[in-house]
């Protein structure tokens, strides 16, 4: 058991940015602990991703191939990762905390008698144990957790680390994975995306999020204009998804999506802890709110106190003028 294995998730023909963040950090972790770094990609056509994965420094990439992986079904992922663990016998399996990983990590741990530490903000290997910090209670508290099991499975929150390329000499082993799709009890027929999902929230570098202060369709248009000028994804608080101004697929927070963009605009958002739990890992946070005492300003890198209906048109115009020049 002398390796760290990183599962690299893919979606819509692209590698999940959060997986590259984990892979990048594990490169450093492997060097610090004298472990080899290996990566695994499970896809109907994994070869298309190996060059990109190699640029982050694993010594070996396992390209596990089967059409079943295109169906986004937990059973195929569980069997694929389980077979890799049995083959490789790693010390640590690290994954981004994607929806698919959340479905299988518990079953994977039970199958291999492994320690499981899910949804961590940070982790390290110290004195033979894997130590991690996990946000709990709507991210109000960091819980310190450790496992000294022979195999430890860790899933990592998006935005916890930076994705930094570190090319190394890499070999690729293609594995033809035998999975009987006829035995599946459920099949995914179609994935339907909201018409408003122009940019994937979970992968977006810039997010413009709307809160209760948006009020109406005029406010919604201002949010969409700002997002369009930045090439950003649109997000929303629970209040405005429940009012029907924005679809539920755009909700950010404890009961919505977790995002970790480089730049996050919180527009008309008060800053309730339930919402902050979904965006606290954003690198730069810009808050726009008429209430100078709104809790969101406690988390903001920059704050603008004022009427968003006056601020947003000016901000959008300036951004478009700057980009045009």
C-alpha atoms as a PDB file:
ATOM      1  CA  UNK A   1       0.000   0.000   0.000  1.00  0.00           C
ATOM      2  CA  UNK A   2       2.283   2.749  -1.244  1.00  0.00           C
ATOM      3  CA  UNK A   3       0.046   4.876  -3.434  1.00  0.00           C
ATOM      4  CA  UNK A   4      -2.595   7.563  -3.475  1.00  0.00           C
ATOM      5  CA  UNK A   5      -5.298   6.903  -6.044  1.00  0.00           C
ATOM      6  CA  UNK A   6      -7.366   9.853  -7.285  1.00  0.00           C
ATOM      7  CA  UNK A   7     -10.660   9.249  -9.050  1.00  0.00           C
ATOM      8  CA  UNK A   8     -11.049  11.879 -11.780  1.00  0.00           C
ATOM      9  CA  UNK A   9     -14.713  12.542 -12.518  1.00  0.00           C
ATOM     10  CA  UNK A  10     -15.970  13.591 -15.942  1.00  0.00           C
ATOM     11  CA  UNK A  11     -19.209  15.123 -17.146  1.00  0.00           C
ATOM     12  CA  UNK A  12     -20.460  16.218 -20.575  1.00  0.00           C
ATOM     13  CA  UNK A  13     -17.130  15.386 -22.179  1.00  0.00           C
ATOM     14  CA  UNK A  14     -15.087  17.414 -19.698  1.00  0.00           C
ATOM     15  CA  UNK A  15     -13.064  16.698 -16.567  1.00  0.00           C
ATOM     16  CA  UNK A  16     -14.637  18.142 -13.432  1.00  0.00           C
ATOM     17  CA  UNK A  17     -12.516  21.046 -12.206  1.00  0.00           C
ATOM     18  CA  UNK A  18     -12.958  19.859  -8.628  1.00  0.00           C
ATOM     19  CA  UNK A  19     -11.256  16.562  -9.549  1.00  0.00           C
ATOM     20  CA  UNK A  20      -8.228  18.412 -10.890  1.00  0.00           C
ATOM     21  CA  UNK A  21      -8.067  20.360  -7.632  1.00  0.00           C
ATOM     22  CA  UNK A  22      -7.884  17.089  -5.696  1.00  0.00           C
ATOM     23  CA  UNK A  23      -5.335  15.614  -8.092  1.00  0.00           C
ATOM     24  CA  UNK A  24      -3.151  18.706  -7.844  1.00  0.00           C
ATOM     25  CA  UNK A  25      -3.152  18.633  -4.039  1.00  0.00           C
ATOM     26  CA  UNK A  26      -2.510  14.882  -3.933  1.00  0.00           C
ATOM     27  CA  UNK A  27       0.586  15.411  -6.088  1.00  0.00           C
ATOM     28  CA  UNK A  28       2.083  17.437  -3.264  1.00  0.00           C
ATOM     29  CA  UNK A  29       0.753  15.078  -0.607  1.00  0.00           C
ATOM     30  CA  UNK A  30       2.298  12.047  -2.311  1.00  0.00           C
ATOM     31  CA  UNK A  31       5.703  13.730  -2.509  1.00  0.00           C
ATOM     32  CA  UNK A  32       5.580  14.725   1.173  1.00  0.00           C
ATOM     33  CA  UNK A  33       4.777  11.167   2.257  1.00  0.00           C
ATOM     34  CA  UNK A  34       6.864   9.140  -0.165  1.00  0.00           C
ATOM     35  CA  UNK A  35       3.836   7.672  -1.920  1.00  0.00           C
ATOM     36  CA  UNK A  36       3.245   7.261  -5.629  1.00  0.00           C
ATOM     37  CA  UNK A  37       0.375   9.174  -7.197  1.00  0.00           C
ATOM     38  CA  UNK A  38      -1.999   7.364  -9.539  1.00  0.00           C
ATOM     39  CA  UNK A  39      -5.209   8.499 -11.190  1.00  0.00           C
ATOM     40  CA  UNK A  40      -8.260   6.725 -12.540  1.00  0.00           C
ATOM     41  CA  UNK A  41     -10.779   7.912 -15.109  1.00  0.00           C
ATOM     42  CA  UNK A  42     -13.909   5.829 -15.731  1.00  0.00           C
ATOM     43  CA  UNK A  43     -15.649   6.705 -18.966  1.00  0.00           C
ATOM     44  CA  UNK A  44     -17.034   5.310 -22.200  1.00  0.00           C
ATOM     45  CA  UNK A  45     -13.974   6.826 -23.909  1.00  0.00           C
ATOM     46  CA  UNK A  46     -11.384   7.551 -21.200  1.00  0.00           C
ATOM     47  CA  UNK A  47      -8.490   8.023 -23.652  1.00  0.00           C
ATOM     48  CA  UNK A  48      -9.723  11.527 -24.519  1.00  0.00           C
ATOM     49  CA  UNK A  49      -8.920  12.688 -20.968  1.00  0.00           C
ATOM     50  CA  UNK A  50      -5.533  11.110 -20.272  1.00  0.00           C
ATOM     51  CA  UNK A  51      -3.373  13.915 -21.693  1.00  0.00           C
ATOM     52  CA  UNK A  52      -5.071  16.497 -19.493  1.00  0.00           C
ATOM     53  CA  UNK A  53      -4.824  14.294 -16.416  1.00  0.00           C
ATOM     54  CA  UNK A  54      -1.136  13.615 -17.109  1.00  0.00           C
ATOM     55  CA  UNK A  55      -0.411  17.354 -16.910  1.00  0.00           C
ATOM     56  CA  UNK A  56      -1.202  17.217 -13.174  1.00  0.00           C
ATOM     57  CA  UNK A  57       1.551  14.747 -12.408  1.00  0.00           C
ATOM     58  CA  UNK A  58       0.334  11.196 -11.698  1.00  0.00           C
ATOM     59  CA  UNK A  59       2.874   8.466 -12.383  1.00  0.00           C
ATOM     60  CA  UNK A  60       0.139   6.242 -13.798  1.00  0.00           C
ATOM     61  CA  UNK A  61      -3.364   6.651 -15.171  1.00  0.00           C
ATOM     62  CA  UNK A  62      -5.903   3.821 -15.202  1.00  0.00           C
ATOM     63  CA  UNK A  63      -8.265   4.414 -18.125  1.00  0.00           C
ATOM     64  CA  UNK A  64     -11.269   2.240 -17.310  1.00  0.00           C
ATOM     65  CA  UNK A  65     -13.498   1.828 -20.341  1.00  0.00           C
ATOM     66  CA  UNK A  66     -17.144   0.802 -20.536  1.00  0.00           C
ATOM     67  CA  UNK A  67     -20.252   2.351 -22.150  1.00  0.00           C
ATOM     68  CA  UNK A  68     -22.071   1.967 -18.816  1.00  0.00           C
ATOM     69  CA  UNK A  69     -20.140   4.940 -17.416  1.00  0.00           C
ATOM     70  CA  UNK A  70     -21.904   7.272 -19.829  1.00  0.00           C
ATOM     71  CA  UNK A  71     -25.182   6.584 -18.003  1.00  0.00           C
ATOM     72  CA  UNK A  72     -24.085   8.277 -14.755  1.00  0.00           C
ATOM     73  CA  UNK A  73     -25.367   5.359 -12.700  1.00  0.00           C
ATOM     74  CA  UNK A  74     -24.000   4.721  -9.231  1.00  0.00           C
ATOM     75  CA  UNK A  75     -23.873   0.936  -9.648  1.00  0.00           C
ATOM     76  CA  UNK A  76     -21.406   1.105 -12.548  1.00  0.00           C
ATOM     77  CA  UNK A  77     -19.173   3.587 -10.720  1.00  0.00           C
ATOM     78  CA  UNK A  78     -19.265   1.494  -7.548  1.00  0.00           C
ATOM     79  CA  UNK A  79     -18.199  -1.663  -9.361  1.00  0.00           C
ATOM     80  CA  UNK A  80     -15.535   0.153 -11.371  1.00  0.00           C
ATOM     81  CA  UNK A  81     -13.896   1.804  -8.364  1.00  0.00           C
ATOM     82  CA  UNK A  82     -14.198  -1.375  -6.322  1.00  0.00           C
ATOM     83  CA  UNK A  83     -12.328  -3.382  -8.946  1.00  0.00           C
ATOM     84  CA  UNK A  84      -9.575  -0.760  -9.045  1.00  0.00           C
ATOM     85  CA  UNK A  85      -9.156  -0.821  -5.278  1.00  0.00           C
ATOM     86  CA  UNK A  86      -8.817  -4.607  -5.357  1.00  0.00           C
ATOM     87  CA  UNK A  87      -6.281  -4.360  -8.190  1.00  0.00           C
ATOM     88  CA  UNK A  88      -4.157  -1.481  -6.848  1.00  0.00           C
ATOM     89  CA  UNK A  89      -4.559  -1.739  -3.054  1.00  0.00           C
ATOM     90  CA  UNK A  90      -3.914   1.992  -2.445  1.00  0.00           C
ATOM     91  CA  UNK A  91      -3.319   3.650   0.913  1.00  0.00           C
ATOM     92  CA  UNK A  92      -5.764   6.418   0.107  1.00  0.00           C
ATOM     93  CA  UNK A  93      -8.523   6.955  -2.459  1.00  0.00           C
ATOM     94  CA  UNK A  94      -9.273  10.659  -2.918  1.00  0.00           C
ATOM     95  CA  UNK A  95     -12.203  12.022  -4.938  1.00  0.00           C
ATOM     96  CA  UNK A  96     -13.955  15.303  -5.513  1.00  0.00           C
ATOM     97  CA  UNK A  97     -17.226  15.395  -3.598  1.00  0.00           C
ATOM     98  CA  UNK A  98     -19.461  15.060  -6.668  1.00  0.00           C
ATOM     99  CA  UNK A  99     -23.040  13.817  -6.565  1.00  0.00           C
ATOM    100  CA  UNK A 100     -21.974  10.422  -7.919  1.00  0.00           C
ATOM    101  CA  UNK A 101     -19.237  10.041  -5.308  1.00  0.00           C
ATOM    102  CA  UNK A 102     -21.672  10.932  -2.538  1.00  0.00           C
ATOM    103  CA  UNK A 103     -23.827   8.029  -3.699  1.00  0.00           C
ATOM    104  CA  UNK A 104     -21.108   5.377  -3.704  1.00  0.00           C
ATOM    105  CA  UNK A 105     -18.450   6.289  -1.148  1.00  0.00           C
ATOM    106  CA  UNK A 106     -20.282   4.724   1.795  1.00  0.00           C
ATOM    107  CA  UNK A 107     -20.934   1.458  -0.039  1.00  0.00           C
ATOM    108  CA  UNK A 108     -17.350   1.424  -1.275  1.00  0.00           C
ATOM    109  CA  UNK A 109     -16.051   1.819   2.255  1.00  0.00           C
ATOM    110  CA  UNK A 110     -18.277  -0.969   3.570  1.00  0.00           C
ATOM    111  CA  UNK A 111     -17.229  -3.314   0.770  1.00  0.00           C
ATOM    112  CA  UNK A 112     -13.504  -2.818   1.419  1.00  0.00           C
ATOM    113  CA  UNK A 113     -13.629  -2.334   5.200  1.00  0.00           C
ATOM    114  CA  UNK A 114     -12.179   1.139   4.748  1.00  0.00           C
ATOM    115  CA  UNK A 115     -12.306   4.327   6.733  1.00  0.00           C
ATOM    116  CA  UNK A 116     -14.543   6.911   5.047  1.00  0.00           C
ATOM    117  CA  UNK A 117     -14.229  10.674   5.553  1.00  0.00           C
ATOM    118  CA  UNK A 118     -16.657  12.428   3.207  1.00  0.00           C
ATOM    119  CA  UNK A 119     -17.025  16.050   2.095  1.00  0.00           C
ATOM    120  CA  UNK A 120     -13.854  17.437   3.692  1.00  0.00           C
ATOM    121  CA  UNK A 121     -12.459  20.953   3.433  1.00  0.00           C
ATOM    122  CA  UNK A 122      -8.876  19.771   3.965  1.00  0.00           C
ATOM    123  CA  UNK A 123      -6.943  16.599   4.731  1.00  0.00           C
ATOM    124  CA  UNK A 124      -3.403  15.347   5.282  1.00  0.00           C
ATOM    125  CA  UNK A 125      -1.477  12.188   6.132  1.00  0.00           C
ATOM    126  CA  UNK A 126       0.251  12.389   9.505  1.00  0.00           C
ATOM    127  CA  UNK A 127       1.897   9.631  11.535  1.00  0.00           C
ATOM    128  CA  UNK A 128       0.187   6.937   9.496  1.00  0.00           C
ATOM    129  CA  UNK A 129      -3.302   8.433   9.872  1.00  0.00           C
ATOM    130  CA  UNK A 130      -5.436  10.470   7.514  1.00  0.00           C
ATOM    131  CA  UNK A 131      -6.587  13.621   9.310  1.00  0.00           C
ATOM    132  CA  UNK A 132      -9.298  15.850   7.888  1.00  0.00           C
ATOM    133  CA  UNK A 133     -11.475  18.846   8.645  1.00  0.00           C
ATOM    134  CA  UNK A 134     -15.159  18.664   7.687  1.00  0.00           C
ATOM    135  CA  UNK A 135     -17.615  21.589   7.685  1.00  0.00           C
ATOM    136  CA  UNK A 136     -20.666  20.665   9.779  1.00  0.00           C
ATOM    137  CA  UNK A 137     -23.768  22.462  11.092  1.00  0.00           C
ATOM    138  CA  UNK A 138     -24.193  24.485   7.878  1.00  0.00           C
ATOM    139  CA  UNK A 139     -20.433  25.131   7.802  1.00  0.00           C
ATOM    140  CA  UNK A 140     -20.562  26.973  11.136  1.00  0.00           C
ATOM    141  CA  UNK A 141     -18.130  24.475  12.684  1.00  0.00           C
ATOM    142  CA  UNK A 142     -15.136  22.492  11.393  1.00  0.00           C
ATOM    143  CA  UNK A 143     -15.084  18.945  12.719  1.00  0.00           C
ATOM    144  CA  UNK A 144     -11.662  17.276  12.995  1.00  0.00           C
ATOM    145  CA  UNK A 145     -11.800  13.634  11.912  1.00  0.00           C
ATOM    146  CA  UNK A 146      -9.101  11.006  11.480  1.00  0.00           C
ATOM    147  CA  UNK A 147      -8.764   7.412  10.335  1.00  0.00           C
ATOM    148  CA  UNK A 148      -5.876   4.970  10.681  1.00  0.00           C
ATOM    149  CA  UNK A 149      -7.523   2.255   8.565  1.00  0.00           C
ATOM    150  CA  UNK A 150      -5.339   0.462   6.035  1.00  0.00           C
ATOM    151  CA  UNK A 151      -7.475   2.056   3.322  1.00  0.00           C
ATOM    152  CA  UNK A 152      -9.066   5.478   3.710  1.00  0.00           C
ATOM    153  CA  UNK A 153     -11.587   7.028   1.300  1.00  0.00           C
ATOM    154  CA  UNK A 154     -11.798  10.816   1.227  1.00  0.00           C
ATOM    155  CA  UNK A 155     -14.101  13.075  -0.773  1.00  0.00           C
ATOM    156  CA  UNK A 156     -13.174  16.746  -1.018  1.00  0.00           C
ATOM    157  CA  UNK A 157     -15.355  19.820  -1.337  1.00  0.00           C
ATOM    158  CA  UNK A 158     -15.017  21.847  -4.516  1.00  0.00           C
ATOM    159  CA  UNK A 159     -12.736  24.851  -4.102  1.00  0.00           C
ATOM    160  CA  UNK A 160     -10.764  23.428  -1.185  1.00  0.00           C
ATOM    161  CA  UNK A 161      -7.538  23.451  -3.214  1.00  0.00           C
ATOM    162  CA  UNK A 162      -6.171  25.104  -6.344  1.00  0.00           C
ATOM    163  CA  UNK A 163      -5.691  23.159  -9.563  1.00  0.00           C
ATOM    164  CA  UNK A 164      -2.047  23.638 -10.570  1.00  0.00           C
ATOM    165  CA  UNK A 165      -0.457  21.702 -13.403  1.00  0.00           C
ATOM    166  CA  UNK A 166       2.680  19.732 -12.578  1.00  0.00           C
ATOM    167  CA  UNK A 167       3.560  17.483 -15.545  1.00  0.00           C
ATOM    168  CA  UNK A 168       5.451  14.250 -14.903  1.00  0.00           C
ATOM    169  CA  UNK A 169       6.364  11.119 -16.800  1.00  0.00           C
ATOM    170  CA  UNK A 170       3.100   9.191 -16.911  1.00  0.00           C
ATOM    171  CA  UNK A 171       2.102   5.760 -18.129  1.00  0.00           C
ATOM    172  CA  UNK A 172      -1.438   4.851 -19.127  1.00  0.00           C
ATOM    173  CA  UNK A 173      -3.030   1.461 -18.560  1.00  0.00           C
ATOM    174  CA  UNK A 174      -6.277   0.892 -20.416  1.00  0.00           C
ATOM    175  CA  UNK A 175      -8.652  -1.445 -18.616  1.00  0.00           C
ATOM    176  CA  UNK A 176     -11.606  -2.983 -20.431  1.00  0.00           C
ATOM    177  CA  UNK A 177     -14.109  -3.123 -17.600  1.00  0.00           C
ATOM    178  CA  UNK A 178     -16.643  -5.941 -17.755  1.00  0.00           C
ATOM    179  CA  UNK A 179     -19.993  -4.684 -16.509  1.00  0.00           C
ATOM    180  CA  UNK A 180     -23.282  -6.352 -17.300  1.00  0.00           C
ATOM    181  CA  UNK A 181     -25.700  -3.527 -18.109  1.00  0.00           C
ATOM    182  CA  UNK A 182     -28.534  -6.030 -18.553  1.00  0.00           C
ATOM    183  CA  UNK A 183     -28.445  -6.630 -14.801  1.00  0.00           C
ATOM    184  CA  UNK A 184     -29.175  -2.982 -14.001  1.00  0.00           C
ATOM    185  CA  UNK A 185     -32.417  -2.416 -12.138  1.00  0.00           C
ATOM    186  CA  UNK A 186     -32.645   1.170 -13.320  1.00  0.00           C
ATOM    187  CA  UNK A 187     -31.595   3.022 -16.457  1.00  0.00           C
ATOM    188  CA  UNK A 188     -31.036   6.707 -17.082  1.00  0.00           C
ATOM    189  CA  UNK A 189     -32.943   7.596 -20.222  1.00  0.00           C
ATOM    190  CA  UNK A 190     -32.361  11.346 -20.419  1.00  0.00           C
ATOM    191  CA  UNK A 191     -30.724  14.246 -18.595  1.00  0.00           C
ATOM    192  CA  UNK A 192     -32.781  17.429 -18.809  1.00  0.00           C
ATOM    193  CA  UNK A 193     -31.085  20.727 -17.997  1.00  0.00           C
ATOM    194  CA  UNK A 194     -32.896  23.904 -17.096  1.00  0.00           C
ATOM    195  CA  UNK A 195     -33.011  26.425 -19.921  1.00  0.00           C
ATOM    196  CA  UNK A 196     -31.351  28.893 -17.558  1.00  0.00           C
ATOM    197  CA  UNK A 197     -28.276  26.720 -17.029  1.00  0.00           C
ATOM    198  CA  UNK A 198     -26.110  28.501 -19.613  1.00  0.00           C
ATOM    199  CA  UNK A 199     -22.983  27.890 -17.527  1.00  0.00           C
ATOM    200  CA  UNK A 200     -22.670  24.915 -15.162  1.00  0.00           C
ATOM    201  CA  UNK A 201     -22.856  26.354 -11.645  1.00  0.00           C
ATOM    202  CA  UNK A 202     -20.653  23.699 -10.065  1.00  0.00           C
ATOM    203  CA  UNK A 203     -17.833  24.325 -12.567  1.00  0.00           C
ATOM    204  CA  UNK A 204     -18.207  28.091 -13.113  1.00  0.00           C
ATOM    205  CA  UNK A 205     -15.261  30.422 -12.528  1.00  0.00           C
ATOM    206  CA  UNK A 206     -17.642  33.355 -11.976  1.00  0.00           C
ATOM    207  CA  UNK A 207     -21.110  33.236 -10.392  1.00  0.00           C
ATOM    208  CA  UNK A 208     -23.691  36.009 -10.104  1.00  0.00           C
ATOM    209  CA  UNK A 209     -26.195  35.035  -7.400  1.00  0.00           C
ATOM    210  CA  UNK A 210     -29.558  36.684  -6.773  1.00  0.00           C
ATOM    211  CA  UNK A 211     -31.274  37.077  -3.413  1.00  0.00           C
ATOM    212  CA  UNK A 212     -34.551  38.377  -2.048  1.00  0.00           C
ATOM    213  CA  UNK A 213     -33.549  41.953  -2.914  1.00  0.00           C
ATOM    214  CA  UNK A 214     -34.020  41.193  -6.621  1.00  0.00           C
ATOM    215  CA  UNK A 215     -37.793  41.400  -6.080  1.00  0.00           C
ATOM    216  CA  UNK A 216     -39.146  41.071  -9.639  1.00  0.00           C
ATOM    217  CA  UNK A 217     -38.550  40.411 -13.341  1.00  0.00           C
ATOM    218  CA  UNK A 218     -36.706  43.717 -13.701  1.00  0.00           C
ATOM    219  CA  UNK A 219     -34.247  42.572 -11.047  1.00  0.00           C
ATOM    220  CA  UNK A 220     -33.905  39.188 -12.706  1.00  0.00           C
ATOM    221  CA  UNK A 221     -33.022  40.880 -16.007  1.00  0.00           C
ATOM    222  CA  UNK A 222     -30.305  42.917 -14.276  1.00  0.00           C
ATOM    223  CA  UNK A 223     -28.784  39.729 -12.827  1.00  0.00           C
ATOM    224  CA  UNK A 224     -28.809  37.996 -16.205  1.00  0.00           C
ATOM    225  CA  UNK A 225     -27.271  41.041 -17.923  1.00  0.00           C
ATOM    226  CA  UNK A 226     -24.428  41.183 -15.401  1.00  0.00           C
ATOM    227  CA  UNK A 227     -23.817  37.443 -15.727  1.00  0.00           C
ATOM    228  CA  UNK A 228     -23.816  37.719 -19.515  1.00  0.00           C
ATOM    229  CA  UNK A 229     -21.264  40.544 -19.449  1.00  0.00           C
ATOM    230  CA  UNK A 230     -18.957  38.393 -17.297  1.00  0.00           C
ATOM    231  CA  UNK A 231     -19.590  35.047 -18.997  1.00  0.00           C
ATOM    232  CA  UNK A 232     -20.792  33.908 -15.582  1.00  0.00           C
ATOM    233  CA  UNK A 233     -23.241  31.355 -14.259  1.00  0.00           C
ATOM    234  CA  UNK A 234     -26.421  32.558 -12.586  1.00  0.00           C
ATOM    235  CA  UNK A 235     -27.255  31.333  -9.091  1.00  0.00           C
ATOM    236  CA  UNK A 236     -29.957  32.131  -6.575  1.00  0.00           C
ATOM    237  CA  UNK A 237     -30.865  31.957  -2.920  1.00  0.00           C
ATOM    238  CA  UNK A 238     -33.679  29.752  -1.692  1.00  0.00           C
ATOM    239  CA  UNK A 239     -36.016  32.752  -1.313  1.00  0.00           C
ATOM    240  CA  UNK A 240     -36.035  33.620  -5.014  1.00  0.00           C
ATOM    241  CA  UNK A 241     -36.260  30.029  -6.229  1.00  0.00           C
ATOM    242  CA  UNK A 242     -39.304  29.496  -4.008  1.00  0.00           C
ATOM    243  CA  UNK A 243     -40.866  32.706  -5.363  1.00  0.00           C
ATOM    244  CA  UNK A 244     -40.487  31.345  -8.899  1.00  0.00           C
ATOM    245  CA  UNK A 245     -38.129  34.052 -10.184  1.00  0.00           C
ATOM    246  CA  UNK A 246     -35.389  31.473 -10.742  1.00  0.00           C
ATOM    247  CA  UNK A 247     -35.575  27.691 -11.228  1.00  0.00           C
ATOM    248  CA  UNK A 248     -34.723  25.399  -8.319  1.00  0.00           C
ATOM    249  CA  UNK A 249     -31.735  24.043 -10.290  1.00  0.00           C
ATOM    250  CA  UNK A 250     -29.962  27.364  -9.641  1.00  0.00           C
ATOM    251  CA  UNK A 251     -30.329  27.310  -5.861  1.00  0.00           C
ATOM    252  CA  UNK A 252     -27.081  27.679  -3.922  1.00  0.00           C
ATOM    253  CA  UNK A 253     -26.811  26.744  -0.275  1.00  0.00           C
ATOM    254  CA  UNK A 254     -27.231  23.997   2.270  1.00  0.00           C
ATOM    255  CA  UNK A 255     -30.214  22.537   0.414  1.00  0.00           C
ATOM    256  CA  UNK A 256     -28.935  23.506  -3.038  1.00  0.00           C
ATOM    257  CA  UNK A 257     -25.644  23.438  -4.896  1.00  0.00           C
ATOM    258  CA  UNK A 258     -22.188  24.061  -3.462  1.00  0.00           C
ATOM    259  CA  UNK A 259     -20.058  26.350  -5.630  1.00  0.00           C
ATOM    260  CA  UNK A 260     -16.448  27.514  -5.430  1.00  0.00           C
ATOM    261  CA  UNK A 261     -15.826  30.087  -8.174  1.00  0.00           C
ATOM    262  CA  UNK A 262     -12.921  32.486  -8.414  1.00  0.00           C
ATOM    263  CA  UNK A 263     -15.424  35.357  -8.234  1.00  0.00           C
ATOM    264  CA  UNK A 264     -18.866  35.348  -6.564  1.00  0.00           C
ATOM    265  CA  UNK A 265     -21.356  38.214  -6.725  1.00  0.00           C
ATOM    266  CA  UNK A 266     -23.937  38.084  -3.923  1.00  0.00           C
ATOM    267  CA  UNK A 267     -26.620  40.510  -5.086  1.00  0.00           C
ATOM    268  CA  UNK A 268     -29.468  41.327  -2.718  1.00  0.00           C
ATOM    269  CA  UNK A 269     -28.517  38.340  -0.539  1.00  0.00           C
ATOM    270  CA  UNK A 270     -28.692  38.865   3.214  1.00  0.00           C
ATOM    271  CA  UNK A 271     -26.149  36.170   4.060  1.00  0.00           C
ATOM    272  CA  UNK A 272     -28.101  33.561   6.013  1.00  0.00           C
ATOM    273  CA  UNK A 273     -25.841  30.717   7.103  1.00  0.00           C
ATOM    274  CA  UNK A 274     -27.839  28.251   4.967  1.00  0.00           C
ATOM    275  CA  UNK A 275     -26.818  30.168   1.829  1.00  0.00           C
ATOM    276  CA  UNK A 276     -23.255  30.836   2.948  1.00  0.00           C
ATOM    277  CA  UNK A 277     -22.757  27.065   3.371  1.00  0.00           C
ATOM    278  CA  UNK A 278     -22.995  26.766  -0.416  1.00  0.00           C
ATOM    279  CA  UNK A 279     -20.593  29.547  -1.440  1.00  0.00           C
ATOM    280  CA  UNK A 280     -18.104  30.054   1.393  1.00  0.00           C
ATOM    281  CA  UNK A 281     -15.261  28.513  -0.642  1.00  0.00           C
ATOM    282  CA  UNK A 282     -15.462  31.263  -3.277  1.00  0.00           C
ATOM    283  CA  UNK A 283     -12.087  32.934  -3.719  1.00  0.00           C
ATOM    284  CA  UNK A 284     -13.371  36.538  -4.045  1.00  0.00           C
ATOM    285  CA  UNK A 285     -16.836  37.543  -2.847  1.00  0.00           C
ATOM    286  CA  UNK A 286     -18.490  40.818  -3.889  1.00  0.00           C
ATOM    287  CA  UNK A 287     -21.613  41.675  -1.887  1.00  0.00           C
ATOM    288  CA  UNK A 288     -24.173  44.239  -3.081  1.00  0.00           C
ATOM    289  CA  UNK A 289     -26.887  45.079  -0.567  1.00  0.00           C
ATOM    290  CA  UNK A 290     -28.713  48.199   0.620  1.00  0.00           C
ATOM    291  CA  UNK A 291     -28.504  47.022   4.254  1.00  0.00           C
ATOM    292  CA  UNK A 292     -25.057  47.896   5.598  1.00  0.00           C
ATOM    293  CA  UNK A 293     -25.596  45.473   8.491  1.00  0.00           C
ATOM    294  CA  UNK A 294     -26.425  42.464   6.287  1.00  0.00           C
ATOM    295  CA  UNK A 295     -24.459  39.383   7.454  1.00  0.00           C
ATOM    296  CA  UNK A 296     -23.158  38.785   3.912  1.00  0.00           C
ATOM    297  CA  UNK A 297     -20.662  41.630   4.404  1.00  0.00           C
ATOM    298  CA  UNK A 298     -18.907  39.542   7.072  1.00  0.00           C
ATOM    299  CA  UNK A 299     -17.893  37.109   4.318  1.00  0.00           C
ATOM    300  CA  UNK A 300     -17.349  39.600   1.491  1.00  0.00           C
ATOM    301  CA  UNK A 301     -13.975  40.546   0.059  1.00  0.00           C
ATOM    302  CA  UNK A 302     -15.575  43.704  -1.324  1.00  0.00           C
ATOM    303  CA  UNK A 303     -18.896  45.244  -0.351  1.00  0.00           C
ATOM    304  CA  UNK A 304     -21.141  47.774  -2.061  1.00  0.00           C
ATOM    305  CA  UNK A 305     -23.877  49.307   0.082  1.00  0.00           C
ATOM    306  CA  UNK A 306     -26.631  50.730  -2.076  1.00  0.00           C
ATOM    307  CA  UNK A 307     -29.606  50.164  -4.340  1.00  0.00           C
ATOM    308  CA  UNK A 308     -28.821  47.202  -6.601  1.00  0.00           C
ATOM    309  CA  UNK A 309     -31.267  48.559  -9.197  1.00  0.00           C
ATOM    310  CA  UNK A 310     -28.928  51.550  -9.611  1.00  0.00           C
ATOM    311  CA  UNK A 311     -25.623  49.726  -9.103  1.00  0.00           C
ATOM    312  CA  UNK A 312     -26.075  46.771 -11.467  1.00  0.00           C
ATOM    313  CA  UNK A 313     -26.774  48.730 -14.694  1.00  0.00           C
ATOM    314  CA  UNK A 314     -23.684  50.891 -14.069  1.00  0.00           C
ATOM    315  CA  UNK A 315     -21.527  47.886 -13.209  1.00  0.00           C
ATOM    316  CA  UNK A 316     -22.669  45.932 -16.270  1.00  0.00           C
ATOM    317  CA  UNK A 317     -22.073  48.931 -18.552  1.00  0.00           C
ATOM    318  CA  UNK A 318     -18.556  49.451 -17.190  1.00  0.00           C
ATOM    319  CA  UNK A 319     -17.683  45.775 -17.619  1.00  0.00           C
ATOM    320  CA  UNK A 320     -18.885  45.732 -21.215  1.00  0.00           C
ATOM    321  CA  UNK A 321     -17.021  48.968 -21.987  1.00  0.00           C
ATOM    322  CA  UNK A 322     -13.824  47.582 -20.468  1.00  0.00           C
ATOM    323  CA  UNK A 323     -14.092  44.295 -22.385  1.00  0.00           C
ATOM    324  CA  UNK A 324     -14.801  46.127 -25.646  1.00  0.00           C
ATOM    325  CA  UNK A 325     -11.636  48.191 -25.229  1.00  0.00           C
END
